[in-house]
N, C-alpha and C. Protein backbone atom coordinates (compact mmCIF):
# COMPACT_ATOMS: atom_id res chain seq x y z
N MET A 1 66.17 72.13 116.57
CA MET A 1 65.97 73.51 116.15
C MET A 1 67.19 74.32 116.66
N LYS A 2 67.72 75.16 115.88
CA LYS A 2 68.79 76.01 116.26
C LYS A 2 68.19 77.19 117.14
N SER A 3 69.10 77.61 118.07
CA SER A 3 68.67 78.61 118.95
C SER A 3 68.74 79.96 118.27
N TYR A 4 67.90 80.92 118.71
CA TYR A 4 67.90 82.28 118.07
C TYR A 4 67.48 83.30 119.09
N ILE A 5 67.71 84.59 118.68
CA ILE A 5 67.39 85.76 119.55
C ILE A 5 66.25 86.44 118.92
N ARG A 6 65.26 86.91 119.72
CA ARG A 6 64.14 87.64 119.20
C ARG A 6 63.68 88.69 120.20
N ASN A 7 62.90 89.65 119.80
CA ASN A 7 62.32 90.62 120.72
C ASN A 7 61.39 89.96 121.74
N ALA A 8 61.50 90.41 122.94
CA ALA A 8 60.63 89.80 124.00
C ALA A 8 59.21 90.22 123.67
N GLU A 9 58.28 89.42 124.14
CA GLU A 9 56.83 89.71 123.99
C GLU A 9 56.23 89.55 125.37
N GLN A 10 55.03 90.15 125.59
CA GLN A 10 54.35 90.06 126.83
C GLN A 10 54.18 88.57 127.34
N LYS A 11 53.95 87.71 126.42
CA LYS A 11 53.68 86.32 126.74
C LYS A 11 54.94 85.64 127.40
N ASP A 12 56.15 86.25 127.34
CA ASP A 12 57.34 85.71 127.85
C ASP A 12 57.55 86.01 129.30
N TYR A 13 56.62 86.67 129.98
CA TYR A 13 56.83 87.18 131.33
C TYR A 13 57.10 86.03 132.30
N VAL A 14 56.43 84.91 132.19
CA VAL A 14 56.72 83.76 133.20
C VAL A 14 58.11 83.26 133.04
N ALA A 15 58.56 83.05 131.78
CA ALA A 15 59.93 82.60 131.60
C ALA A 15 60.99 83.59 132.07
N ILE A 16 60.73 84.85 131.75
CA ILE A 16 61.64 85.91 132.22
C ILE A 16 61.71 85.90 133.78
N SER A 17 60.56 85.87 134.39
CA SER A 17 60.53 85.83 135.84
C SER A 17 61.26 84.62 136.45
N ALA A 18 61.03 83.43 135.86
CA ALA A 18 61.61 82.19 136.29
C ALA A 18 63.18 82.30 136.10
N LEU A 19 63.65 82.79 135.03
CA LEU A 19 65.08 82.98 134.88
C LEU A 19 65.69 83.97 135.89
N SER A 20 64.96 85.03 136.14
CA SER A 20 65.41 85.96 137.13
C SER A 20 65.54 85.39 138.52
N GLU A 21 64.68 84.44 138.81
CA GLU A 21 64.77 83.76 140.14
C GLU A 21 66.09 83.01 140.32
N GLN A 22 66.68 82.60 139.18
CA GLN A 22 67.98 81.86 139.23
C GLN A 22 69.11 82.76 139.85
N LEU A 23 68.94 84.12 139.70
CA LEU A 23 69.84 85.05 140.29
C LEU A 23 69.36 85.66 141.56
N GLY A 24 68.32 85.10 142.12
CA GLY A 24 67.80 85.58 143.39
C GLY A 24 66.72 86.62 143.38
N TYR A 25 66.27 86.99 142.25
CA TYR A 25 65.16 88.01 142.13
C TYR A 25 63.83 87.32 142.21
N LYS A 26 63.16 87.35 143.37
CA LYS A 26 61.93 86.72 143.59
C LYS A 26 60.77 87.64 143.44
N THR A 27 60.56 88.04 142.15
CA THR A 27 59.49 88.98 141.86
C THR A 27 58.26 88.21 141.40
N PRO A 28 57.10 88.46 141.93
CA PRO A 28 55.89 87.77 141.44
C PRO A 28 55.70 87.97 139.96
N HIS A 29 55.26 86.89 139.29
CA HIS A 29 55.05 86.93 137.84
C HIS A 29 54.22 88.07 137.39
N VAL A 30 53.15 88.37 138.18
CA VAL A 30 52.25 89.42 137.74
C VAL A 30 52.95 90.80 137.75
N ALA A 31 53.89 91.00 138.60
CA ALA A 31 54.68 92.21 138.70
C ALA A 31 55.62 92.33 137.47
N VAL A 32 56.19 91.16 137.07
CA VAL A 32 56.99 91.14 135.96
C VAL A 32 56.19 91.47 134.69
N LEU A 33 55.03 90.93 134.64
CA LEU A 33 54.12 91.25 133.49
C LEU A 33 53.87 92.72 133.43
N LYS A 34 53.50 93.28 134.51
CA LYS A 34 53.13 94.69 134.54
C LYS A 34 54.29 95.54 134.05
N ARG A 35 55.50 95.31 134.56
CA ARG A 35 56.73 96.05 134.12
C ARG A 35 57.04 95.83 132.70
N LEU A 36 56.97 94.58 132.23
CA LEU A 36 57.29 94.25 130.87
C LEU A 36 56.35 94.96 129.94
N LYS A 37 55.07 95.03 130.23
CA LYS A 37 54.12 95.73 129.39
C LYS A 37 54.52 97.17 129.17
N GLU A 38 54.98 97.84 130.21
CA GLU A 38 55.41 99.27 130.11
C GLU A 38 56.72 99.37 129.42
N ILE A 39 57.65 98.49 129.63
CA ILE A 39 58.93 98.51 129.06
C ILE A 39 58.85 98.31 127.56
N LEU A 40 57.98 97.38 127.17
CA LEU A 40 57.87 97.04 125.68
C LEU A 40 57.28 98.20 124.90
N LYS A 41 56.55 99.09 125.56
CA LYS A 41 55.93 100.26 124.93
C LYS A 41 56.92 101.40 124.72
N ASN A 42 58.04 101.30 125.47
CA ASN A 42 59.05 102.37 125.49
C ASN A 42 60.16 102.17 124.45
N PRO A 43 60.30 103.01 123.45
CA PRO A 43 61.30 102.81 122.40
C PRO A 43 62.71 103.02 122.93
N GLU A 44 62.95 103.54 124.16
CA GLU A 44 64.30 103.61 124.65
C GLU A 44 64.72 102.37 125.41
N HIS A 45 63.89 101.29 125.36
CA HIS A 45 64.22 100.02 125.94
C HIS A 45 64.31 98.96 124.90
N CYS A 46 65.21 98.03 125.10
CA CYS A 46 65.32 96.86 124.22
C CYS A 46 65.34 95.63 125.08
N VAL A 47 64.36 94.76 124.89
CA VAL A 47 64.39 93.51 125.66
C VAL A 47 64.34 92.37 124.66
N LEU A 48 65.31 91.46 124.80
CA LEU A 48 65.44 90.39 123.85
C LEU A 48 65.51 89.04 124.61
N VAL A 49 65.09 88.02 123.99
CA VAL A 49 65.13 86.70 124.57
C VAL A 49 65.86 85.73 123.72
N ALA A 50 66.52 84.77 124.31
CA ALA A 50 67.20 83.73 123.53
C ALA A 50 66.30 82.49 123.68
N VAL A 51 65.99 81.89 122.54
CA VAL A 51 65.12 80.78 122.45
C VAL A 51 65.84 79.53 121.92
N ASP A 52 65.63 78.34 122.57
CA ASP A 52 66.21 77.12 122.16
C ASP A 52 65.16 76.02 122.26
N HIS A 53 64.86 75.40 121.18
CA HIS A 53 63.78 74.40 121.18
C HIS A 53 62.51 74.87 121.81
N ASP A 54 62.05 76.04 121.38
CA ASP A 54 60.82 76.71 121.86
C ASP A 54 60.85 77.09 123.30
N GLN A 55 62.04 77.05 123.97
CA GLN A 55 62.09 77.41 125.39
C GLN A 55 62.99 78.68 125.50
N ILE A 56 62.57 79.61 126.28
CA ILE A 56 63.34 80.81 126.56
C ILE A 56 64.43 80.47 127.52
N ILE A 57 65.65 80.62 127.07
CA ILE A 57 66.85 80.20 127.86
C ILE A 57 67.64 81.40 128.32
N GLY A 58 67.25 82.62 128.00
CA GLY A 58 67.95 83.82 128.45
C GLY A 58 67.24 85.06 127.98
N TRP A 59 67.60 86.16 128.65
CA TRP A 59 67.09 87.44 128.26
C TRP A 59 68.03 88.55 128.61
N VAL A 60 67.92 89.61 127.95
CA VAL A 60 68.73 90.89 128.15
C VAL A 60 67.88 92.05 128.04
N HIS A 61 68.13 93.04 128.81
CA HIS A 61 67.38 94.38 128.83
C HIS A 61 68.36 95.47 128.66
N GLY A 62 68.26 96.26 127.61
CA GLY A 62 69.12 97.35 127.41
C GLY A 62 68.31 98.68 127.44
N ILE A 63 68.88 99.77 127.94
CA ILE A 63 68.19 101.02 128.03
C ILE A 63 69.10 102.09 127.43
N TYR A 64 68.51 102.85 126.55
CA TYR A 64 69.16 104.11 126.02
C TYR A 64 69.24 105.13 127.14
N SER A 65 70.46 105.57 127.37
CA SER A 65 70.62 106.55 128.49
C SER A 65 71.22 107.83 128.09
N LEU A 66 70.51 108.85 128.28
CA LEU A 66 70.89 110.24 127.90
C LEU A 66 71.14 111.02 129.17
N ARG A 67 72.33 111.46 129.48
CA ARG A 67 72.70 112.12 130.70
C ARG A 67 73.45 113.42 130.36
N ILE A 68 73.29 114.40 131.29
CA ILE A 68 73.92 115.65 131.14
C ILE A 68 75.44 115.51 131.13
N GLU A 69 75.97 114.74 131.95
CA GLU A 69 77.41 114.75 132.27
C GLU A 69 78.20 113.77 131.42
N SER A 70 77.57 112.93 130.57
CA SER A 70 78.31 111.98 129.86
C SER A 70 77.71 111.68 128.48
N GLU A 71 78.52 111.06 127.65
CA GLU A 71 78.11 110.68 126.35
C GLU A 71 76.95 109.72 126.41
N ILE A 72 76.03 109.76 125.33
CA ILE A 72 74.95 108.80 125.40
C ILE A 72 75.45 107.37 125.33
N PHE A 73 74.73 106.47 125.95
CA PHE A 73 75.06 105.08 125.95
C PHE A 73 73.82 104.24 126.13
N VAL A 74 74.03 102.95 125.83
CA VAL A 74 73.06 101.94 126.14
C VAL A 74 73.59 101.14 127.26
N GLU A 75 72.76 100.98 128.28
CA GLU A 75 73.24 100.18 129.42
C GLU A 75 72.44 98.88 129.54
N ILE A 76 73.23 97.80 129.69
CA ILE A 76 72.65 96.47 129.86
C ILE A 76 72.24 96.48 131.33
N THR A 77 70.96 96.45 131.62
CA THR A 77 70.44 96.50 132.99
C THR A 77 70.08 95.13 133.58
N GLY A 78 70.05 94.17 132.64
CA GLY A 78 69.75 92.84 133.06
C GLY A 78 70.20 91.88 132.01
N LEU A 79 70.86 90.78 132.37
CA LEU A 79 71.27 89.69 131.42
C LEU A 79 71.31 88.43 132.22
N ILE A 80 70.45 87.48 131.81
CA ILE A 80 70.40 86.21 132.46
C ILE A 80 70.28 85.10 131.48
N VAL A 81 71.16 84.11 131.66
CA VAL A 81 71.09 82.83 130.78
C VAL A 81 70.82 81.75 131.79
N ASP A 82 69.90 80.88 131.36
CA ASP A 82 69.58 79.63 132.19
C ASP A 82 70.83 78.97 132.64
N GLN A 83 70.83 78.55 133.85
CA GLN A 83 72.04 77.89 134.43
C GLN A 83 72.43 76.64 133.65
N ASP A 84 71.51 75.97 133.02
CA ASP A 84 71.88 74.79 132.22
C ASP A 84 72.34 75.09 130.80
N HIS A 85 72.32 76.39 130.47
CA HIS A 85 72.73 76.81 129.05
C HIS A 85 73.92 77.79 129.08
N ARG A 86 74.55 77.98 130.26
CA ARG A 86 75.62 78.95 130.36
C ARG A 86 76.89 78.36 129.71
N ASN A 87 77.78 79.28 129.34
CA ASN A 87 79.05 78.93 128.72
C ASN A 87 78.90 78.28 127.31
N LYS A 88 77.82 78.61 126.65
CA LYS A 88 77.56 77.97 125.30
C LYS A 88 77.39 79.12 124.27
N GLY A 89 77.67 80.38 124.59
CA GLY A 89 77.62 81.44 123.67
C GLY A 89 76.28 82.23 123.66
N THR A 90 75.34 81.84 124.53
CA THR A 90 74.04 82.51 124.48
C THR A 90 74.14 83.93 125.01
N GLY A 91 74.86 84.15 126.11
CA GLY A 91 75.07 85.44 126.66
C GLY A 91 75.72 86.36 125.72
N LYS A 92 76.80 85.86 125.04
CA LYS A 92 77.51 86.65 124.01
C LYS A 92 76.58 87.10 122.92
N LYS A 93 75.71 86.18 122.46
CA LYS A 93 74.77 86.50 121.42
C LYS A 93 73.78 87.59 121.84
N LEU A 94 73.31 87.49 123.07
CA LEU A 94 72.37 88.49 123.59
C LEU A 94 73.08 89.85 123.63
N VAL A 95 74.29 89.91 124.13
CA VAL A 95 75.03 91.17 124.15
C VAL A 95 75.27 91.73 122.82
N GLU A 96 75.65 90.89 121.82
CA GLU A 96 75.85 91.37 120.45
C GLU A 96 74.65 91.91 119.89
N HIS A 97 73.42 91.36 120.19
CA HIS A 97 72.20 91.91 119.67
C HIS A 97 71.88 93.27 120.32
N VAL A 98 72.16 93.39 121.61
CA VAL A 98 71.92 94.71 122.19
C VAL A 98 72.92 95.73 121.67
N GLN A 99 74.16 95.29 121.42
CA GLN A 99 75.13 96.21 120.79
C GLN A 99 74.59 96.65 119.42
N ASN A 100 74.08 95.77 118.67
CA ASN A 100 73.50 96.19 117.33
C ASN A 100 72.40 97.20 117.49
N TRP A 101 71.52 96.94 118.47
CA TRP A 101 70.40 97.87 118.71
C TRP A 101 71.03 99.25 119.12
N ALA A 102 72.02 99.25 119.97
CA ALA A 102 72.68 100.47 120.39
C ALA A 102 73.22 101.25 119.19
N LYS A 103 73.78 100.57 118.26
CA LYS A 103 74.31 101.19 117.01
C LYS A 103 73.16 101.87 116.25
N LEU A 104 72.05 101.20 116.22
CA LEU A 104 70.85 101.84 115.55
C LEU A 104 70.36 103.09 116.21
N GLN A 105 70.68 103.19 117.56
CA GLN A 105 70.33 104.44 118.35
C GLN A 105 71.49 105.44 118.26
N ASN A 106 72.42 105.22 117.38
CA ASN A 106 73.62 106.08 117.21
C ASN A 106 74.51 106.19 118.46
N CYS A 107 74.50 105.15 119.23
CA CYS A 107 75.34 105.03 120.48
C CYS A 107 76.63 104.36 120.05
N LYS A 108 77.73 104.84 120.69
CA LYS A 108 79.04 104.20 120.49
C LYS A 108 79.57 103.62 121.76
N LEU A 109 78.73 103.57 122.76
CA LEU A 109 79.14 103.04 124.10
C LEU A 109 78.04 102.12 124.61
N LEU A 110 78.47 100.94 124.99
CA LEU A 110 77.59 99.96 125.62
C LEU A 110 78.15 99.73 127.07
N ARG A 111 77.32 99.85 128.05
CA ARG A 111 77.74 99.77 129.42
C ARG A 111 77.02 98.58 130.12
N ALA A 112 77.74 97.91 130.98
CA ALA A 112 77.12 96.86 131.79
C ALA A 112 77.54 97.06 133.24
N ARG A 113 76.67 96.96 134.16
CA ARG A 113 76.98 96.96 135.57
C ARG A 113 76.77 95.62 136.11
N THR A 114 77.67 95.15 137.00
CA THR A 114 77.54 93.87 137.58
C THR A 114 77.74 94.06 139.10
N ASN A 115 77.03 93.24 139.83
CA ASN A 115 77.19 93.24 141.31
C ASN A 115 78.64 92.76 141.61
N THR A 116 79.31 93.40 142.47
CA THR A 116 80.65 92.99 142.81
C THR A 116 80.68 91.55 143.31
N LEU A 117 79.60 91.10 143.93
CA LEU A 117 79.51 89.71 144.41
C LEU A 117 79.31 88.69 143.38
N ARG A 118 78.95 89.07 142.17
CA ARG A 118 78.76 88.15 141.08
C ARG A 118 80.09 88.07 140.28
N ALA A 119 81.07 87.53 140.93
CA ALA A 119 82.43 87.48 140.24
C ALA A 119 82.46 86.76 139.02
N GLU A 120 81.59 85.76 138.83
CA GLU A 120 81.61 84.95 137.58
C GLU A 120 81.21 85.80 136.38
N SER A 121 80.54 86.91 136.58
CA SER A 121 80.10 87.75 135.47
C SER A 121 81.27 88.62 134.97
N HIS A 122 82.18 88.96 135.80
CA HIS A 122 83.29 89.86 135.43
C HIS A 122 84.08 89.39 134.27
N PRO A 123 84.66 88.12 134.29
CA PRO A 123 85.38 87.69 133.11
C PRO A 123 84.52 87.55 131.88
N PHE A 124 83.23 87.37 132.00
CA PHE A 124 82.32 87.28 130.86
C PHE A 124 82.39 88.61 130.07
N TYR A 125 82.22 89.73 130.73
CA TYR A 125 82.25 90.97 130.10
C TYR A 125 83.69 91.32 129.54
N GLU A 126 84.70 90.96 130.35
CA GLU A 126 86.02 91.23 129.84
C GLU A 126 86.30 90.42 128.56
N LYS A 127 85.86 89.21 128.47
CA LYS A 127 86.06 88.48 127.17
C LYS A 127 85.35 89.11 126.06
N LEU A 128 84.31 89.91 126.28
CA LEU A 128 83.61 90.60 125.23
C LEU A 128 84.16 92.03 124.98
N ASN A 129 85.34 92.26 125.52
CA ASN A 129 86.05 93.49 125.29
C ASN A 129 85.45 94.72 126.06
N PHE A 130 84.67 94.48 127.09
CA PHE A 130 84.31 95.62 127.97
C PHE A 130 85.52 95.85 128.89
N THR A 131 85.69 97.07 129.29
CA THR A 131 86.75 97.42 130.22
C THR A 131 86.09 97.99 131.49
N LEU A 132 86.81 97.70 132.64
CA LEU A 132 86.28 98.19 133.89
C LEU A 132 86.50 99.63 134.02
N ASN A 133 85.42 100.38 134.17
CA ASN A 133 85.45 101.85 134.17
C ASN A 133 85.54 102.39 135.61
N LYS A 134 84.69 101.77 136.44
CA LYS A 134 84.72 102.20 137.86
C LYS A 134 83.98 101.22 138.75
N GLU A 135 84.17 101.32 139.99
CA GLU A 135 83.33 100.56 140.98
C GLU A 135 82.60 101.62 141.81
N GLN A 136 81.41 101.31 142.21
CA GLN A 136 80.63 102.34 142.96
C GLN A 136 79.70 101.64 143.95
N LYS A 137 79.13 102.45 144.74
CA LYS A 137 78.13 101.97 145.71
C LYS A 137 76.75 102.60 145.24
N VAL A 138 75.72 101.87 145.47
CA VAL A 138 74.33 102.24 145.08
C VAL A 138 73.50 102.50 146.34
N TYR A 139 72.94 103.64 146.39
CA TYR A 139 72.14 103.96 147.58
C TYR A 139 70.61 104.09 147.12
N ASP A 140 69.80 103.52 147.89
CA ASP A 140 68.33 103.62 147.63
C ASP A 140 67.68 104.41 148.68
N LYS A 141 66.61 105.06 148.36
CA LYS A 141 65.75 105.76 149.39
C LYS A 141 64.37 105.33 149.02
N ILE A 142 63.64 104.79 149.97
CA ILE A 142 62.25 104.25 149.79
C ILE A 142 61.35 105.18 150.59
N TRP A 143 60.23 105.51 150.04
CA TRP A 143 59.22 106.32 150.71
C TRP A 143 57.93 105.72 150.54
N HIS A 144 56.95 106.18 151.39
CA HIS A 144 55.57 105.60 151.27
C HIS A 144 54.60 106.69 150.96
């Protein structure tokens, strides 16, 4: 069976969680399910999965971003392809599908952020004609 891209569904949460673990995100499946349920209800989010032989081999999450100081854009906030399926065009297909969704949102800008430590992802985006815009630091504040 040929691989294909489709909208994510709630039932995909275990596969999405397992793929996320390949990049070091150890989030309990139940937490992924809870977040996915909320995200799938939000029309400003796009979550797609790549399927090959009835197995989810990748996923991408795009968010419509409206900000005061900049043009609207869709940001890829997560993109993961199974380690056994990388370098076969799946990531490119996922990005192309998010780009098509962005066009439907009347966006002309697709943005992706990558961790500076994930050097293998940088050439991937460059091959897809993304240009490096800036490097930055991210600060978190947690409260109880």
